[in-house]
Amino acid sequence: MLEQTGNVYLKPSLLQLDELGYLSINKHGADLLFQVVTARHESGSIRITSIRPFRNWAGALKSTPP
């Protein structure tokens, strides 16, 4: 899935994910986010901001049942 983006999320030295949790993320979106974080973990920094308290971040990434 990540290959389709042309690795645009892997090139910058800093990737800013702003307002994580503002909108809910479905399972497909959470899977893509996981792939980006996994691919970048040794090659670049990621800054995540959110209006949610850290303890509530898991709620933003929960998938809804089909």
PDB file of N, CA and C in Angstrom:
ATOM      1  N   MET A   1       0.818  -1.199   0.000  1.00  0.00           N
ATOM      2  CA  MET A   1       0.000   0.000   0.000  1.00  0.00           C
ATOM      3  C   MET A   1       0.858   1.259   0.000  1.00  0.00           C
ATOM      4  N   LEU A   2       1.894   1.260   0.794  1.00  0.00           N
ATOM      5  CA  LEU A   2       2.738   2.433   0.917  1.00  0.00           C
ATOM      6  C   LEU A   2       3.476   2.738  -0.378  1.00  0.00           C
ATOM      7  N   GLU A   3       3.757   1.716  -1.172  1.00  0.00           N
ATOM      8  CA  GLU A   3       4.467   1.913  -2.435  1.00  0.00           C
ATOM      9  C   GLU A   3       3.684   2.821  -3.379  1.00  0.00           C
ATOM     10  N   GLN A   4       2.377   2.822  -3.280  1.00  0.00           N
ATOM     11  CA  GLN A   4       1.529   3.592  -4.189  1.00  0.00           C
ATOM     12  C   GLN A   4       1.682   5.100  -3.988  1.00  0.00           C
ATOM     13  N   THR A   5       2.158   5.536  -2.848  1.00  0.00           N
ATOM     14  CA  THR A   5       2.305   6.969  -2.570  1.00  0.00           C
ATOM     15  C   THR A   5       3.601   7.521  -3.126  1.00  0.00           C
ATOM     16  N   GLY A   6       4.447   6.674  -3.684  1.00  0.00           N
ATOM     17  CA  GLY A   6       5.728   7.128  -4.188  1.00  0.00           C
ATOM     18  C   GLY A   6       6.686   7.462  -3.057  1.00  0.00           C
ATOM     19  N   ASN A   7       6.443   6.890  -1.903  1.00  0.00           N
ATOM     20  CA  ASN A   7       7.278   7.107  -0.723  1.00  0.00           C
ATOM     21  C   ASN A   7       7.403   8.580  -0.338  1.00  0.00           C
ATOM     22  N   VAL A   8       6.404   9.376  -0.682  1.00  0.00           N
ATOM     23  CA  VAL A   8       6.433  10.802  -0.363  1.00  0.00           C
ATOM     24  C   VAL A   8       6.526  11.040   1.150  1.00  0.00           C
ATOM     25  N   TYR A   9       6.041  10.107   1.948  1.00  0.00           N
ATOM     26  CA  TYR A   9       6.081  10.261   3.394  1.00  0.00           C
ATOM     27  C   TYR A   9       7.409   9.813   3.995  1.00  0.00           C
ATOM     28  N   LEU A  10       8.257   9.213   3.186  1.00  0.00           N
ATOM     29  CA  LEU A  10       9.540   8.721   3.687  1.00  0.00           C
ATOM     30  C   LEU A  10      10.678   9.691   3.407  1.00  0.00           C
ATOM     31  N   LYS A  11      10.512  10.615   2.480  1.00  0.00           N
ATOM     32  CA  LYS A  11      11.593  11.498   2.053  1.00  0.00           C
ATOM     33  C   LYS A  11      11.943  12.623   3.023  1.00  0.00           C
ATOM     34  N   PRO A  12      10.972  13.319   3.623  1.00  0.00           N
ATOM     35  CA  PRO A  12      11.346  14.467   4.467  1.00  0.00           C
ATOM     36  C   PRO A  12      12.121  14.028   5.712  1.00  0.00           C
ATOM     37  N   SER A  13      13.005  14.915   6.191  1.00  0.00           N
ATOM     38  CA  SER A  13      13.737  14.586   7.419  1.00  0.00           C
ATOM     39  C   SER A  13      12.809  14.651   8.630  1.00  0.00           C
ATOM     40  N   LEU A  14      11.721  15.449   8.530  1.00  0.00           N
ATOM     41  CA  LEU A  14      10.723  15.530   9.592  1.00  0.00           C
ATOM     42  C   LEU A  14       9.340  15.420   8.962  1.00  0.00           C
ATOM     43  N   LEU A  15       8.557  14.479   9.443  1.00  0.00           N
ATOM     44  CA  LEU A  15       7.173  14.312   8.993  1.00  0.00           C
ATOM     45  C   LEU A  15       6.268  14.801  10.112  1.00  0.00           C
ATOM     46  N   GLN A  16       5.420  15.777   9.819  1.00  0.00           N
ATOM     47  CA  GLN A  16       4.507  16.356  10.803  1.00  0.00           C
ATOM     48  C   GLN A  16       3.123  15.751  10.622  1.00  0.00           C
ATOM     49  N   LEU A  17       2.622  15.064  11.634  1.00  0.00           N
ATOM     50  CA  LEU A  17       1.249  14.557  11.643  1.00  0.00           C
ATOM     51  C   LEU A  17       0.466  15.457  12.593  1.00  0.00           C
ATOM     52  N   ASP A  18      -0.311  16.361  12.033  1.00  0.00           N
ATOM     53  CA  ASP A  18      -0.976  17.388  12.820  1.00  0.00           C
ATOM     54  C   ASP A  18      -2.408  16.981  13.133  1.00  0.00           C
ATOM     55  N   GLU A  19      -2.805  17.218  14.373  1.00  0.00           N
ATOM     56  CA  GLU A  19      -4.172  16.960  14.833  1.00  0.00           C
ATOM     57  C   GLU A  19      -4.602  15.506  14.702  1.00  0.00           C
ATOM     58  N   LEU A  20      -3.720  14.579  15.072  1.00  0.00           N
ATOM     59  CA  LEU A  20      -4.089  13.160  15.097  1.00  0.00           C
ATOM     60  C   LEU A  20      -5.283  12.988  16.026  1.00  0.00           C
ATOM     61  N   GLY A  21      -6.305  12.351  15.535  1.00  0.00           N
ATOM     62  CA  GLY A  21      -7.497  12.131  16.343  1.00  0.00           C
ATOM     63  C   GLY A  21      -8.590  13.154  16.116  1.00  0.00           C
ATOM     64  N   TYR A  22      -8.316  14.204  15.341  1.00  0.00           N
ATOM     65  CA  TYR A  22      -9.366  15.180  15.041  1.00  0.00           C
ATOM     66  C   TYR A  22     -10.514  14.489  14.316  1.00  0.00           C
ATOM     67  N   LEU A  23     -10.147  13.640  13.354  1.00  0.00           N
ATOM     68  CA  LEU A  23     -11.107  12.767  12.690  1.00  0.00           C
ATOM     69  C   LEU A  23     -10.734  11.336  13.019  1.00  0.00           C
ATOM     70  N   SER A  24     -11.706  10.467  13.132  1.00  0.00           N
ATOM     71  CA  SER A  24     -11.395   9.074  13.425  1.00  0.00           C
ATOM     72  C   SER A  24     -10.729   8.422  12.214  1.00  0.00           C
ATOM     73  N   ILE A  25      -9.904   7.433  12.476  1.00  0.00           N
ATOM     74  CA  ILE A  25      -9.179   6.727  11.426  1.00  0.00           C
ATOM     75  C   ILE A  25      -9.707   5.299  11.368  1.00  0.00           C
ATOM     76  N   ASN A  26     -10.119   4.881  10.189  1.00  0.00           N
ATOM     77  CA  ASN A  26     -10.616   3.509  10.053  1.00  0.00           C
ATOM     78  C   ASN A  26      -9.437   2.526  10.033  1.00  0.00           C
ATOM     79  N   LYS A  27      -9.729   1.252   9.951  1.00  0.00           N
ATOM     80  CA  LYS A  27      -8.675   0.235   9.990  1.00  0.00           C
ATOM     81  C   LYS A  27      -7.679   0.406   8.853  1.00  0.00           C
ATOM     82  N   HIS A  28      -8.165   0.685   7.659  1.00  0.00           N
ATOM     83  CA  HIS A  28      -7.271   0.878   6.509  1.00  0.00           C
ATOM     84  C   HIS A  28      -6.323   2.059   6.758  1.00  0.00           C
ATOM     85  N   GLY A  29      -6.859   3.153   7.255  1.00  0.00           N
ATOM     86  CA  GLY A  29      -6.037   4.322   7.567  1.00  0.00           C
ATOM     87  C   GLY A  29      -5.029   4.042   8.664  1.00  0.00           C
ATOM     88  N   ALA A  30      -5.455   3.315   9.684  1.00  0.00           N
ATOM     89  CA  ALA A  30      -4.540   2.960  10.776  1.00  0.00           C
ATOM     90  C   ALA A  30      -3.428   2.039  10.267  1.00  0.00           C
ATOM     91  N   ASP A  31      -3.761   1.120   9.364  1.00  0.00           N
ATOM     92  CA  ASP A  31      -2.752   0.242   8.771  1.00  0.00           C
ATOM     93  C   ASP A  31      -1.727   1.050   7.973  1.00  0.00           C
ATOM     94  N   LEU A  32      -2.197   2.032   7.192  1.00  0.00           N
ATOM     95  CA  LEU A  32      -1.284   2.877   6.426  1.00  0.00           C
ATOM     96  C   LEU A  32      -0.397   3.713   7.344  1.00  0.00           C
ATOM     97  N   LEU A  33      -0.985   4.259   8.405  1.00  0.00           N
ATOM     98  CA  LEU A  33      -0.200   5.036   9.364  1.00  0.00           C
ATOM     99  C   LEU A  33       0.876   4.163   9.995  1.00  0.00           C
ATOM    100  N   PHE A  34       0.529   2.947  10.355  1.00  0.00           N
ATOM    101  CA  PHE A  34       1.497   2.007  10.930  1.00  0.00           C
ATOM    102  C   PHE A  34       2.639   1.743   9.945  1.00  0.00           C
ATOM    103  N   GLN A  35       2.302   1.570   8.664  1.00  0.00           N
ATOM    104  CA  GLN A  35       3.333   1.328   7.658  1.00  0.00           C
ATOM    105  C   GLN A  35       4.284   2.514   7.538  1.00  0.00           C
ATOM    106  N   VAL A  36       3.746   3.731   7.575  1.00  0.00           N
ATOM    107  CA  VAL A  36       4.598   4.925   7.486  1.00  0.00           C
ATOM    108  C   VAL A  36       5.520   5.011   8.698  1.00  0.00           C
ATOM    109  N   VAL A  37       4.967   4.836   9.892  1.00  0.00           N
ATOM    110  CA  VAL A  37       5.778   4.910  11.106  1.00  0.00           C
ATOM    111  C   VAL A  37       6.843   3.821  11.106  1.00  0.00           C
ATOM    112  N   THR A  38       6.474   2.623  10.714  1.00  0.00           N
ATOM    113  CA  THR A  38       7.431   1.513  10.660  1.00  0.00           C
ATOM    114  C   THR A  38       8.543   1.791   9.654  1.00  0.00           C
ATOM    115  N   ALA A  39       8.180   2.310   8.491  1.00  0.00           N
ATOM    116  CA  ALA A  39       9.172   2.570   7.442  1.00  0.00           C
ATOM    117  C   ALA A  39      10.115   3.710   7.827  1.00  0.00           C
ATOM    118  N   ARG A  40       9.638   4.665   8.636  1.00  0.00           N
ATOM    119  CA  ARG A  40      10.437   5.831   8.992  1.00  0.00           C
ATOM    120  C   ARG A  40      11.210   5.672  10.295  1.00  0.00           C
ATOM    121  N   HIS A  41      10.992   4.649  11.061  1.00  0.00           N
ATOM    122  CA  HIS A  41      11.506   4.605  12.428  1.00  0.00           C
ATOM    123  C   HIS A  41      13.010   4.758  12.543  1.00  0.00           C
ATOM    124  N   GLU A  42      13.776   4.442  11.523  1.00  0.00           N
ATOM    125  CA  GLU A  42      15.225   4.630  11.584  1.00  0.00           C
ATOM    126  C   GLU A  42      15.725   5.663  10.581  1.00  0.00           C
ATOM    127  N   SER A  43      14.838   6.227   9.772  1.00  0.00           N
ATOM    128  CA  SER A  43      15.306   7.115   8.712  1.00  0.00           C
ATOM    129  C   SER A  43      14.911   8.578   8.877  1.00  0.00           C
ATOM    130  N   GLY A  44      13.960   8.866   9.726  1.00  0.00           N
ATOM    131  CA  GLY A  44      13.524  10.244   9.879  1.00  0.00           C
ATOM    132  C   GLY A  44      12.658  10.418  11.110  1.00  0.00           C
ATOM    133  N   SER A  45      12.511  11.666  11.499  1.00  0.00           N
ATOM    134  CA  SER A  45      11.716  11.986  12.686  1.00  0.00           C
ATOM    135  C   SER A  45      10.251  12.172  12.328  1.00  0.00           C
ATOM    136  N   ILE A  46       9.394  11.911  13.307  1.00  0.00           N
ATOM    137  CA  ILE A  46       7.963  12.132  13.161  1.00  0.00           C
ATOM    138  C   ILE A  46       7.512  12.970  14.354  1.00  0.00           C
ATOM    139  N   ARG A  47       6.792  14.048  14.071  1.00  0.00           N
ATOM    140  CA  ARG A  47       6.208  14.877  15.132  1.00  0.00           C
ATOM    141  C   ARG A  47       4.701  14.718  15.025  1.00  0.00           C
ATOM    142  N   ILE A  48       4.082  14.330  16.134  1.00  0.00           N
ATOM    143  CA  ILE A  48       2.642  14.116  16.157  1.00  0.00           C
ATOM    144  C   ILE A  48       2.022  15.117  17.121  1.00  0.00           C
ATOM    145  N   THR A  49       0.998  15.826  16.660  1.00  0.00           N
ATOM    146  CA  THR A  49       0.252  16.717  17.532  1.00  0.00           C
ATOM    147  C   THR A  49      -1.199  16.261  17.569  1.00  0.00           C
ATOM    148  N   SER A  50      -1.864  16.563  18.652  1.00  0.00           N
ATOM    149  CA  SER A  50      -3.258  16.189  18.808  1.00  0.00           C
ATOM    150  C   SER A  50      -3.909  17.070  19.861  1.00  0.00           C
ATOM    151  N   ILE A  51      -5.200  17.279  19.712  1.00  0.00           N
ATOM    152  CA  ILE A  51      -5.939  17.984  20.749  1.00  0.00           C
ATOM    153  C   ILE A  51      -6.386  17.007  21.836  1.00  0.00           C
ATOM    154  N   ARG A  52      -6.246  15.715  21.570  1.00  0.00           N
ATOM    155  CA  ARG A  52      -6.631  14.692  22.542  1.00  0.00           C
ATOM    156  C   ARG A  52      -5.500  14.467  23.546  1.00  0.00           C
ATOM    157  N   PRO A  53      -5.826  14.200  24.790  1.00  0.00           N
ATOM    158  CA  PRO A  53      -4.789  13.780  25.736  1.00  0.00           C
ATOM    159  C   PRO A  53      -4.173  12.461  25.266  1.00  0.00           C
ATOM    160  N   PHE A  54      -2.910  12.255  25.549  1.00  0.00           N
ATOM    161  CA  PHE A  54      -2.203  11.056  25.092  1.00  0.00           C
ATOM    162  C   PHE A  54      -2.941   9.789  25.482  1.00  0.00           C
ATOM    163  N   ARG A  55      -3.520   9.752  26.664  1.00  0.00           N
ATOM    164  CA  ARG A  55      -4.206   8.535  27.135  1.00  0.00           C
ATOM    165  C   ARG A  55      -5.409   8.187  26.254  1.00  0.00           C
ATOM    166  N   ASN A  56      -5.901   9.128  25.447  1.00  0.00           N
ATOM    167  CA  ASN A  56      -7.061   8.885  24.585  1.00  0.00           C
ATOM    168  C   ASN A  56      -6.694   8.627  23.133  1.00  0.00           C
ATOM    169  N   TRP A  57      -5.412   8.558  22.793  1.00  0.00           N
ATOM    170  CA  TRP A  57      -5.014   8.371  21.406  1.00  0.00           C
ATOM    171  C   TRP A  57      -5.490   7.036  20.850  1.00  0.00           C
ATOM    172  N   ALA A  58      -5.534   6.019  21.649  1.00  0.00           N
ATOM    173  CA  ALA A  58      -5.968   4.697  21.150  1.00  0.00           C
ATOM    174  C   ALA A  58      -7.383   4.774  20.587  1.00  0.00           C
ATOM    175  N   GLY A  59      -8.227   5.597  21.157  1.00  0.00           N
ATOM    176  CA  GLY A  59      -9.588   5.754  20.665  1.00  0.00           C
ATOM    177  C   GLY A  59      -9.645   6.322  19.261  1.00  0.00           C
ATOM    178  N   ALA A  60      -8.655   7.103  18.882  1.00  0.00           N
ATOM    179  CA  ALA A  60      -8.621   7.686  17.543  1.00  0.00           C
ATOM    180  C   ALA A  60      -8.228   6.637  16.502  1.00  0.00           C
ATOM    181  N   LEU A  61      -7.611   5.562  16.935  1.00  0.00           N
ATOM    182  CA  LEU A  61      -7.105   4.562  15.998  1.00  0.00           C
ATOM    183  C   LEU A  61      -7.930   3.283  15.999  1.00  0.00           C
ATOM    184  N   LYS A  62      -8.981   3.231  16.778  1.00  0.00           N
ATOM    185  CA  LYS A  62      -9.799   2.012  16.817  1.00  0.00           C
ATOM    186  C   LYS A  62     -10.561   1.853  15.515  1.00  0.00           C
ATOM    187  N   SER A  63     -10.620   0.623  15.062  1.00  0.00           N
ATOM    188  CA  SER A  63     -11.401   0.365  13.857  1.00  0.00           C
ATOM    189  C   SER A  63     -12.852   0.095  14.239  1.00  0.00           C
ATOM    190  N   THR A  64     -13.725   0.427  13.351  1.00  0.00           N
ATOM    191  CA  THR A  64     -15.131   0.153  13.597  1.00  0.00           C
ATOM    192  C   THR A  64     -15.475  -1.206  12.994  1.00  0.00           C
ATOM    193  N   PRO A  65     -16.324  -1.974  13.658  1.00  0.00           N
ATOM    194  CA  PRO A  65     -16.685  -3.283  13.137  1.00  0.00           C
ATOM    195  C   PRO A  65     -17.395  -3.156  11.793  1.00  0.00           C
ATOM    196  N   PRO A  66     -17.207  -4.134  10.900  1.00  0.00           N
ATOM    197  CA  PRO A  66     -17.872  -4.073   9.585  1.00  0.00           C
ATOM    198  C   PRO A  66     -19.367  -4.189   9.687  1.00  0.00           C
TER     199      PRO A  66
END
